[in-house]
Amino acid sequence: MGDAGEGLIDADARIQERMEELERERVRQAHGRDTRDPKQVQALESLRLARTELERQLEATAHERRRVQIREALGEINRRMGAIKF
């Protein structure tokens, strides 16, 4: 009966260790959660994509008036990105 008792104690210890490990993982994940407003995150990401596209257009455009328009649009995007607060 001694071996069976030791086996139960070992199993109980493994279960307890696993429960503690799961608790540590849950606490770690809770601290890593993104607490930012999802709408602001989406707006910022949209502005980043728009800026990337405009930068690509600026590189490909030879017409000076269009380049001025793109630069103005980039300035507006940068202003809006700066206005988003987290």
PDB file of N, CA and C in Angstrom:
ATOM      1  N   MET A   1       0.818  -1.184   0.000  1.00  0.00           N
ATOM      2  CA  MET A   1       0.000   0.000   0.000  1.00  0.00           C
ATOM      3  C   MET A   1       0.859   1.242   0.000  1.00  0.00           C
ATOM      4  N   GLY A   2       2.104   1.101   0.448  1.00  0.00           N
ATOM      5  CA  GLY A   2       3.006   2.239   0.502  1.00  0.00           C
ATOM      6  C   GLY A   2       3.273   2.828  -0.875  1.00  0.00           C
ATOM      7  N   ASP A   3       3.477   1.979  -1.890  1.00  0.00           N
ATOM      8  CA  ASP A   3       3.734   2.465  -3.241  1.00  0.00           C
ATOM      9  C   ASP A   3       2.519   3.189  -3.805  1.00  0.00           C
ATOM     10  N   ALA A   4       1.337   2.691  -3.532  1.00  0.00           N
ATOM     11  CA  ALA A   4       0.114   3.326  -4.030  1.00  0.00           C
ATOM     12  C   ALA A   4      -0.067   4.694  -3.385  1.00  0.00           C
ATOM     13  N   GLY A   5       0.229   4.807  -2.119  1.00  0.00           N
ATOM     14  CA  GLY A   5       0.117   6.086  -1.417  1.00  0.00           C
ATOM     15  C   GLY A   5       1.094   7.110  -1.975  1.00  0.00           C
ATOM     16  N   GLU A   6       2.319   6.630  -2.249  1.00  0.00           N
ATOM     17  CA  GLU A   6       3.309   7.546  -2.829  1.00  0.00           C
ATOM     18  C   GLU A   6       2.879   8.007  -4.217  1.00  0.00           C
ATOM     19  N   GLY A   7       2.281   7.108  -4.978  1.00  0.00           N
ATOM     20  CA  GLY A   7       1.794   7.460  -6.315  1.00  0.00           C
ATOM     21  C   GLY A   7       0.709   8.514  -6.247  1.00  0.00           C
ATOM     22  N   LEU A   8      -0.187   8.384  -5.264  1.00  0.00           N
ATOM     23  CA  LEU A   8      -1.242   9.381  -5.109  1.00  0.00           C
ATOM     24  C   LEU A   8      -0.672  10.734  -4.709  1.00  0.00           C
ATOM     25  N   ILE A   9       0.321  10.719  -3.841  1.00  0.00           N
ATOM     26  CA  ILE A   9       0.958  11.965  -3.413  1.00  0.00           C
ATOM     27  C   ILE A   9       1.660  12.628  -4.598  1.00  0.00           C
ATOM     28  N   ASP A  10       2.375  11.807  -5.403  1.00  0.00           N
ATOM     29  CA  ASP A  10       3.042  12.347  -6.588  1.00  0.00           C
ATOM     30  C   ASP A  10       2.035  12.930  -7.574  1.00  0.00           C
ATOM     31  N   ALA A  11       0.942  12.244  -7.806  1.00  0.00           N
ATOM     32  CA  ALA A  11      -0.088  12.726  -8.725  1.00  0.00           C
ATOM     33  C   ALA A  11      -0.697  14.021  -8.203  1.00  0.00           C
ATOM     34  N   ASP A  12      -0.942  14.069  -6.894  1.00  0.00           N
ATOM     35  CA  ASP A  12      -1.505  15.280  -6.292  1.00  0.00           C
ATOM     36  C   ASP A  12      -0.540  16.457  -6.437  1.00  0.00           C
ATOM     37  N   ALA A  13       0.753  16.191  -6.268  1.00  0.00           N
ATOM     38  CA  ALA A  13       1.759  17.245  -6.402  1.00  0.00           C
ATOM     39  C   ALA A  13       1.818  17.746  -7.845  1.00  0.00           C
ATOM     40  N   ARG A  14       1.736  16.820  -8.809  1.00  0.00           N
ATOM     41  CA  ARG A  14       1.745  17.224 -10.220  1.00  0.00           C
ATOM     42  C   ARG A  14       0.517  18.055 -10.567  1.00  0.00           C
ATOM     43  N   ILE A  15      -0.623  17.676 -10.044  1.00  0.00           N
ATOM     44  CA  ILE A  15      -1.853  18.443 -10.290  1.00  0.00           C
ATOM     45  C   ILE A  15      -1.726  19.839  -9.691  1.00  0.00           C
ATOM     46  N   GLN A  16      -1.208  19.921  -8.484  1.00  0.00           N
ATOM     47  CA  GLN A  16      -1.042  21.221  -7.836  1.00  0.00           C
ATOM     48  C   GLN A  16      -0.067  22.098  -8.620  1.00  0.00           C
ATOM     49  N   GLU A  17       1.032  21.520  -9.081  1.00  0.00           N
ATOM     50  CA  GLU A  17       2.001  22.283  -9.876  1.00  0.00           C
ATOM     51  C   GLU A  17       1.368  22.793 -11.169  1.00  0.00           C
ATOM     52  N   ARG A  18       0.562  21.946 -11.805  1.00  0.00           N
ATOM     53  CA  ARG A  18      -0.102  22.340 -13.049  1.00  0.00           C
ATOM     54  C   ARG A  18      -1.101  23.469 -12.795  1.00  0.00           C
ATOM     55  N   MET A  19      -1.828  23.405 -11.695  1.00  0.00           N
ATOM     56  CA  MET A  19      -2.783  24.454 -11.363  1.00  0.00           C
ATOM     57  C   MET A  19      -2.056  25.776 -11.115  1.00  0.00           C
ATOM     58  N   GLU A  20      -0.924  25.716 -10.430  1.00  0.00           N
ATOM     59  CA  GLU A  20      -0.137  26.922 -10.187  1.00  0.00           C
ATOM     60  C   GLU A  20       0.415  27.490 -11.497  1.00  0.00           C
ATOM     61  N   GLU A  21       0.845  26.615 -12.380  1.00  0.00           N
ATOM     62  CA  GLU A  21       1.344  27.045 -13.686  1.00  0.00           C
ATOM     63  C   GLU A  21       0.246  27.739 -14.494  1.00  0.00           C
ATOM     64  N   LEU A  22      -0.949  27.167 -14.492  1.00  0.00           N
ATOM     65  CA  LEU A  22      -2.078  27.776 -15.195  1.00  0.00           C
ATOM     66  C   LEU A  22      -2.440  29.136 -14.607  1.00  0.00           C
ATOM     67  N   GLU A  23      -2.368  29.250 -13.298  1.00  0.00           N
ATOM     68  CA  GLU A  23      -2.665  30.529 -12.641  1.00  0.00           C
ATOM     69  C   GLU A  23      -1.630  31.590 -13.032  1.00  0.00           C
ATOM     70  N   ARG A  24      -0.358  31.209 -13.053  1.00  0.00           N
ATOM     71  CA  ARG A  24       0.688  32.154 -13.470  1.00  0.00           C
ATOM     72  C   ARG A  24       0.464  32.603 -14.912  1.00  0.00           C
ATOM     73  N   GLU A  25       0.096  31.677 -15.778  1.00  0.00           N
ATOM     74  CA  GLU A  25      -0.166  32.004 -17.179  1.00  0.00           C
ATOM     75  C   GLU A  25      -1.356  32.951 -17.307  1.00  0.00           C
ATOM     76  N   ARG A  26      -2.405  32.708 -16.545  1.00  0.00           N
ATOM     77  CA  ARG A  26      -3.595  33.563 -16.589  1.00  0.00           C
ATOM     78  C   ARG A  26      -3.261  34.978 -16.118  1.00  0.00           C
ATOM     79  N   VAL A  27      -2.463  35.098 -15.070  1.00  0.00           N
ATOM     80  CA  VAL A  27      -2.058  36.408 -14.567  1.00  0.00           C
ATOM     81  C   VAL A  27      -1.190  37.123 -15.599  1.00  0.00           C
ATOM     82  N   ARG A  28      -0.274  36.401 -16.226  1.00  0.00           N
ATOM     83  CA  ARG A  28       0.597  36.987 -17.236  1.00  0.00           C
ATOM     84  C   ARG A  28      -0.218  37.501 -18.420  1.00  0.00           C
ATOM     85  N   GLN A  29      -1.197  36.750 -18.862  1.00  0.00           N
ATOM     86  CA  GLN A  29      -2.043  37.168 -19.979  1.00  0.00           C
ATOM     87  C   GLN A  29      -2.905  38.363 -19.597  1.00  0.00           C
ATOM     88  N   ALA A  30      -3.371  38.415 -18.370  1.00  0.00           N
ATOM     89  CA  ALA A  30      -4.203  39.537 -17.931  1.00  0.00           C
ATOM     90  C   ALA A  30      -3.406  40.827 -17.948  1.00  0.00           C
ATOM     91  N   HIS A  31      -2.130  40.756 -17.626  1.00  0.00           N
ATOM     92  CA  HIS A  31      -1.292  41.952 -17.630  1.00  0.00           C
ATOM     93  C   HIS A  31      -0.943  42.380 -19.048  1.00  0.00           C
ATOM     94  N   GLY A  32      -0.988  41.478 -19.999  1.00  0.00           N
ATOM     95  CA  GLY A  32      -0.611  41.785 -21.369  1.00  0.00           C
ATOM     96  C   GLY A  32      -1.779  42.196 -22.252  1.00  0.00           C
ATOM     97  N   ARG A  33      -2.963  42.303 -21.705  1.00  0.00           N
ATOM     98  CA  ARG A  33      -4.131  42.653 -22.515  1.00  0.00           C
ATOM     99  C   ARG A  33      -4.037  44.067 -23.054  1.00  0.00           C
ATOM    100  N   ASP A  34      -4.548  44.237 -24.249  1.00  0.00           N
ATOM    101  CA  ASP A  34      -4.595  45.553 -24.879  1.00  0.00           C
ATOM    102  C   ASP A  34      -5.814  46.285 -24.339  1.00  0.00           C
ATOM    103  N   THR A  35      -5.571  47.387 -23.648  1.00  0.00           N
ATOM    104  CA  THR A  35      -6.665  48.127 -23.019  1.00  0.00           C
ATOM    105  C   THR A  35      -7.075  49.345 -23.842  1.00  0.00           C
ATOM    106  N   ARG A  36      -6.518  49.474 -25.043  1.00  0.00           N
ATOM    107  CA  ARG A  36      -6.845  50.619 -25.883  1.00  0.00           C
ATOM    108  C   ARG A  36      -8.232  50.455 -26.485  1.00  0.00           C
ATOM    109  N   ASP A  37      -8.825  51.594 -26.858  1.00  0.00           N
ATOM    110  CA  ASP A  37     -10.140  51.606 -27.481  1.00  0.00           C
ATOM    111  C   ASP A  37     -10.026  50.971 -28.871  1.00  0.00           C
ATOM    112  N   PRO A  38     -10.787  49.927 -29.154  1.00  0.00           N
ATOM    113  CA  PRO A  38     -10.684  49.250 -30.452  1.00  0.00           C
ATOM    114  C   PRO A  38     -10.977  50.172 -31.633  1.00  0.00           C
ATOM    115  N   LYS A  39     -11.876  51.127 -31.458  1.00  0.00           N
ATOM    116  CA  LYS A  39     -12.180  52.052 -32.555  1.00  0.00           C
ATOM    117  C   LYS A  39     -10.982  52.934 -32.865  1.00  0.00           C
ATOM    118  N   GLN A  40     -10.264  53.364 -31.831  1.00  0.00           N
ATOM    119  CA  GLN A  40      -9.077  54.183 -32.051  1.00  0.00           C
ATOM    120  C   GLN A  40      -7.950  53.365 -32.668  1.00  0.00           C
ATOM    121  N   VAL A  41      -7.818  52.138 -32.253  1.00  0.00           N
ATOM    122  CA  VAL A  41      -6.808  51.253 -32.827  1.00  0.00           C
ATOM    123  C   VAL A  41      -7.095  51.053 -34.313  1.00  0.00           C
ATOM    124  N   GLN A  42      -8.365  50.822 -34.649  1.00  0.00           N
ATOM    125  CA  GLN A  42      -8.757  50.626 -36.043  1.00  0.00           C
ATOM    126  C   GLN A  42      -8.516  51.900 -36.847  1.00  0.00           C
ATOM    127  N   ALA A  43      -8.863  53.061 -36.288  1.00  0.00           N
ATOM    128  CA  ALA A  43      -8.658  54.330 -36.979  1.00  0.00           C
ATOM    129  C   ALA A  43      -7.167  54.569 -37.230  1.00  0.00           C
ATOM    130  N   LEU A  44      -6.342  54.283 -36.245  1.00  0.00           N
ATOM    131  CA  LEU A  44      -4.902  54.471 -36.397  1.00  0.00           C
ATOM    132  C   LEU A  44      -4.345  53.545 -37.470  1.00  0.00           C
ATOM    133  N   GLU A  45      -4.774  52.310 -37.467  1.00  0.00           N
ATOM    134  CA  GLU A  45      -4.308  51.353 -38.472  1.00  0.00           C
ATOM    135  C   GLU A  45      -4.753  51.776 -39.867  1.00  0.00           C
ATOM    136  N   SER A  46      -5.965  52.271 -39.991  1.00  0.00           N
ATOM    137  CA  SER A  46      -6.459  52.763 -41.276  1.00  0.00           C
ATOM    138  C   SER A  46      -5.619  53.931 -41.770  1.00  0.00           C
ATOM    139  N   LEU A  47      -5.286  54.848 -40.870  1.00  0.00           N
ATOM    140  CA  LEU A  47      -4.447  55.987 -41.246  1.00  0.00           C
ATOM    141  C   LEU A  47      -3.045  55.532 -41.648  1.00  0.00           C
ATOM    142  N   ARG A  48      -2.507  54.541 -40.964  1.00  0.00           N
ATOM    143  CA  ARG A  48      -1.185  54.019 -41.329  1.00  0.00           C
ATOM    144  C   ARG A  48      -1.198  53.435 -42.733  1.00  0.00           C
ATOM    145  N   LEU A  49      -2.256  52.684 -43.044  1.00  0.00           N
ATOM    146  CA  LEU A  49      -2.364  52.099 -44.381  1.00  0.00           C
ATOM    147  C   LEU A  49      -2.505  53.185 -45.444  1.00  0.00           C
ATOM    148  N   ALA A  50      -3.310  54.200 -45.154  1.00  0.00           N
ATOM    149  CA  ALA A  50      -3.484  55.302 -46.100  1.00  0.00           C
ATOM    150  C   ALA A  50      -2.159  56.031 -46.316  1.00  0.00           C
ATOM    151  N   ARG A  51      -1.420  56.240 -45.244  1.00  0.00           N
ATOM    152  CA  ARG A  51      -0.132  56.917 -45.364  1.00  0.00           C
ATOM    153  C   ARG A  51       0.832  56.100 -46.217  1.00  0.00           C
ATOM    154  N   THR A  52       0.852  54.796 -46.012  1.00  0.00           N
ATOM    155  CA  THR A  52       1.724  53.927 -46.808  1.00  0.00           C
ATOM    156  C   THR A  52       1.368  54.017 -48.286  1.00  0.00           C
ATOM    157  N   GLU A  53       0.082  53.995 -48.588  1.00  0.00           N
ATOM    158  CA  GLU A  53      -0.360  54.079 -49.979  1.00  0.00           C
ATOM    159  C   GLU A  53       0.001  55.427 -50.592  1.00  0.00           C
ATOM    160  N   LEU A  54      -0.191  56.501 -49.846  1.00  0.00           N
ATOM    161  CA  LEU A  54       0.157  57.823 -50.368  1.00  0.00           C
ATOM    162  C   LEU A  54       1.668  57.970 -50.567  1.00  0.00           C
ATOM    163  N   GLU A  55       2.452  57.413 -49.686  1.00  0.00           N
ATOM    164  CA  GLU A  55       3.903  57.455 -49.854  1.00  0.00           C
ATOM    165  C   GLU A  55       4.318  56.711 -51.117  1.00  0.00           C
ATOM    166  N   ARG A  56       3.650  55.581 -51.382  1.00  0.00           N
ATOM    167  CA  ARG A  56       3.928  54.831 -52.610  1.00  0.00           C
ATOM    168  C   ARG A  56       3.563  55.667 -53.832  1.00  0.00           C
ATOM    169  N   GLN A  57       2.400  56.332 -53.776  1.00  0.00           N
ATOM    170  CA  GLN A  57       1.979  57.178 -54.886  1.00  0.00           C
ATOM    171  C   GLN A  57       2.935  58.345 -55.094  1.00  0.00           C
ATOM    172  N   LEU A  58       3.419  58.923 -54.008  1.00  0.00           N
ATOM    173  CA  LEU A  58       4.339  60.050 -54.102  1.00  0.00           C
ATOM    174  C   LEU A  58       5.618  59.654 -54.841  1.00  0.00           C
ATOM    175  N   GLU A  59       6.113  58.470 -54.549  1.00  0.00           N
ATOM    176  CA  GLU A  59       7.320  57.988 -55.213  1.00  0.00           C
ATOM    177  C   GLU A  59       7.088  57.749 -56.704  1.00  0.00           C
ATOM    178  N   ALA A  60       5.883  57.341 -57.065  1.00  0.00           N
ATOM    179  CA  ALA A  60       5.593  56.972 -58.453  1.00  0.00           C
ATOM    180  C   ALA A  60       5.096  58.140 -59.294  1.00  0.00           C
ATOM    181  N   THR A  61       4.745  59.258 -58.687  1.00  0.00           N
ATOM    182  CA  THR A  61       4.138  60.370 -59.407  1.00  0.00           C
ATOM    183  C   THR A  61       5.203  61.367 -59.861  1.00  0.00           C
ATOM    184  N   ALA A  62       5.088  61.762 -61.122  1.00  0.00           N
ATOM    185  CA  ALA A  62       6.035  62.731 -61.679  1.00  0.00           C
ATOM    186  C   ALA A  62       5.411  64.126 -61.772  1.00  0.00           C
ATOM    187  N   HIS A  63       4.101  64.213 -61.859  1.00  0.00           N
ATOM    188  CA  HIS A  63       3.421  65.494 -62.018  1.00  0.00           C
ATOM    189  C   HIS A  63       3.499  66.280 -60.703  1.00  0.00           C
ATOM    190  N   GLU A  64       4.047  67.501 -60.787  1.00  0.00           N
ATOM    191  CA  GLU A  64       4.325  68.268 -59.571  1.00  0.00           C
ATOM    192  C   GLU A  64       3.065  68.640 -58.800  1.00  0.00           C
ATOM    193  N   ARG A  65       1.990  69.028 -59.488  1.00  0.00           N
ATOM    194  CA  ARG A  65       0.752  69.404 -58.779  1.00  0.00           C
ATOM    195  C   ARG A  65       0.193  68.219 -57.988  1.00  0.00           C
ATOM    196  N   ARG A  66       0.247  67.042 -58.566  1.00  0.00           N
ATOM    197  CA  ARG A  66      -0.224  65.847 -57.855  1.00  0.00           C
ATOM    198  C   ARG A  66       0.672  65.556 -56.648  1.00  0.00           C
ATOM    199  N   ARG A  67       1.975  65.784 -56.783  1.00  0.00           N
ATOM    200  CA  ARG A  67       2.902  65.569 -55.672  1.00  0.00           C
ATOM    201  C   ARG A  67       2.567  66.518 -54.516  1.00  0.00           C
ATOM    202  N   VAL A  68       2.198  67.755 -54.836  1.00  0.00           N
ATOM    203  CA  VAL A  68       1.808  68.720 -53.806  1.00  0.00           C
ATOM    204  C   VAL A  68       0.550  68.230 -53.092  1.00  0.00           C
ATOM    205  N   GLN A  69      -0.424  67.734 -53.861  1.00  0.00           N
ATOM    206  CA  GLN A  69      -1.660  67.216 -53.265  1.00  0.00           C
ATOM    207  C   GLN A  69      -1.368  66.048 -52.324  1.00  0.00           C
ATOM    208  N   ILE A  70      -0.499  65.164 -52.761  1.00  0.00           N
ATOM    209  CA  ILE A  70      -0.160  63.989 -51.940  1.00  0.00           C
ATOM    210  C   ILE A  70       0.547  64.432 -50.660  1.00  0.00           C
ATOM    211  N   ARG A  71       1.457  65.378 -50.757  1.00  0.00           N
ATOM    212  CA  ARG A  71       2.153  65.877 -49.564  1.00  0.00           C
ATOM    213  C   ARG A  71       1.167  66.510 -48.577  1.00  0.00           C
ATOM    214  N   GLU A  72       0.203  67.249 -49.104  1.00  0.00           N
ATOM    215  CA  GLU A  72      -0.816  67.855 -48.239  1.00  0.00           C
ATOM    216  C   GLU A  72      -1.653  66.770 -47.559  1.00  0.00           C
ATOM    217  N   ALA A  73      -1.999  65.741 -48.315  1.00  0.00           N
ATOM    218  CA  ALA A  73      -2.773  64.629 -47.746  1.00  0.00           C
ATOM    219  C   ALA A  73      -1.956  63.910 -46.667  1.00  0.00           C
ATOM    220  N   LEU A  74      -0.669  63.729 -46.919  1.00  0.00           N
ATOM    221  CA  LEU A  74       0.198  63.098 -45.914  1.00  0.00           C
ATOM    222  C   LEU A  74       0.263  63.942 -44.646  1.00  0.00           C
ATOM    223  N   GLY A  75       0.333  65.249 -44.813  1.00  0.00           N
ATOM    224  CA  GLY A  75       0.333  66.131 -43.646  1.00  0.00           C
ATOM    225  C   GLY A  75      -0.951  65.995 -42.840  1.00  0.00           C
ATOM    226  N   GLU A  76      -2.077  65.907 -43.524  1.00  0.00           N
ATOM    227  CA  GLU A  76      -3.362  65.737 -42.836  1.00  0.00           C
ATOM    228  C   GLU A  76      -3.423  64.391 -42.113  1.00  0.00           C
ATOM    229  N   ILE A  77      -2.943  63.355 -42.749  1.00  0.00           N
ATOM    230  CA  ILE A  77      -2.925  62.031 -42.112  1.00  0.00           C
ATOM    231  C   ILE A  77      -2.047  62.060 -40.870  1.00  0.00           C
ATOM    232  N   ASN A  78      -0.881  62.664 -40.979  1.00  0.00           N
ATOM    233  CA  ASN A  78       0.010  62.749 -39.816  1.00  0.00           C
ATOM    234  C   ASN A  78      -0.628  63.550 -38.689  1.00  0.00           C
ATOM    235  N   ARG A  79      -1.347  64.616 -39.035  1.00  0.00           N
ATOM    236  CA  ARG A  79      -2.038  65.412 -38.021  1.00  0.00           C
ATOM    237  C   ARG A  79      -3.098  64.570 -37.316  1.00  0.00           C
ATOM    238  N   ARG A  80      -3.869  63.829 -38.093  1.00  0.00           N
ATOM    239  CA  ARG A  80      -4.916  62.980 -37.505  1.00  0.00           C
ATOM    240  C   ARG A  80      -4.329  61.867 -36.648  1.00  0.00           C
ATOM    241  N   MET A  81      -3.212  61.305 -37.100  1.00  0.00           N
ATOM    242  CA  MET A  81      -2.569  60.256 -36.305  1.00  0.00           C
ATOM    243  C   MET A  81      -2.089  60.821 -34.970  1.00  0.00           C
ATOM    244  N   GLY A  82      -1.569  62.037 -35.002  1.00  0.00           N
ATOM    245  CA  GLY A  82      -1.107  62.669 -33.774  1.00  0.00           C
ATOM    246  C   GLY A  82      -2.243  63.006 -32.820  1.00  0.00           C
ATOM    247  N   ALA A  83      -3.443  63.192 -33.359  1.00  0.00           N
ATOM    248  CA  ALA A  83      -4.598  63.558 -32.535  1.00  0.00           C
ATOM    249  C   ALA A  83      -5.198  62.352 -31.808  1.00  0.00           C
ATOM    250  N   ILE A  84      -4.878  61.146 -32.265  1.00  0.00           N
ATOM    251  CA  ILE A  84      -5.432  59.947 -31.625  1.00  0.00           C
ATOM    252  C   ILE A  84      -4.669  59.695 -30.334  1.00  0.00           C
ATOM    253  N   LYS A  85      -5.392  59.657 -29.241  1.00  0.00           N
ATOM    254  CA  LYS A  85      -4.797  59.437 -27.917  1.00  0.00           C
ATOM    255  C   LYS A  85      -5.209  58.082 -27.383  1.00  0.00           C
ATOM    256  N   PHE A  86      -4.265  57.427 -26.733  1.00  0.00           N
ATOM    257  CA  PHE A  86      -4.563  56.133 -26.113  1.00  0.00           C
ATOM    258  C   PHE A  86      -4.540  56.285 -24.645  1.00  0.00           C
TER     259      PHE A  86
END
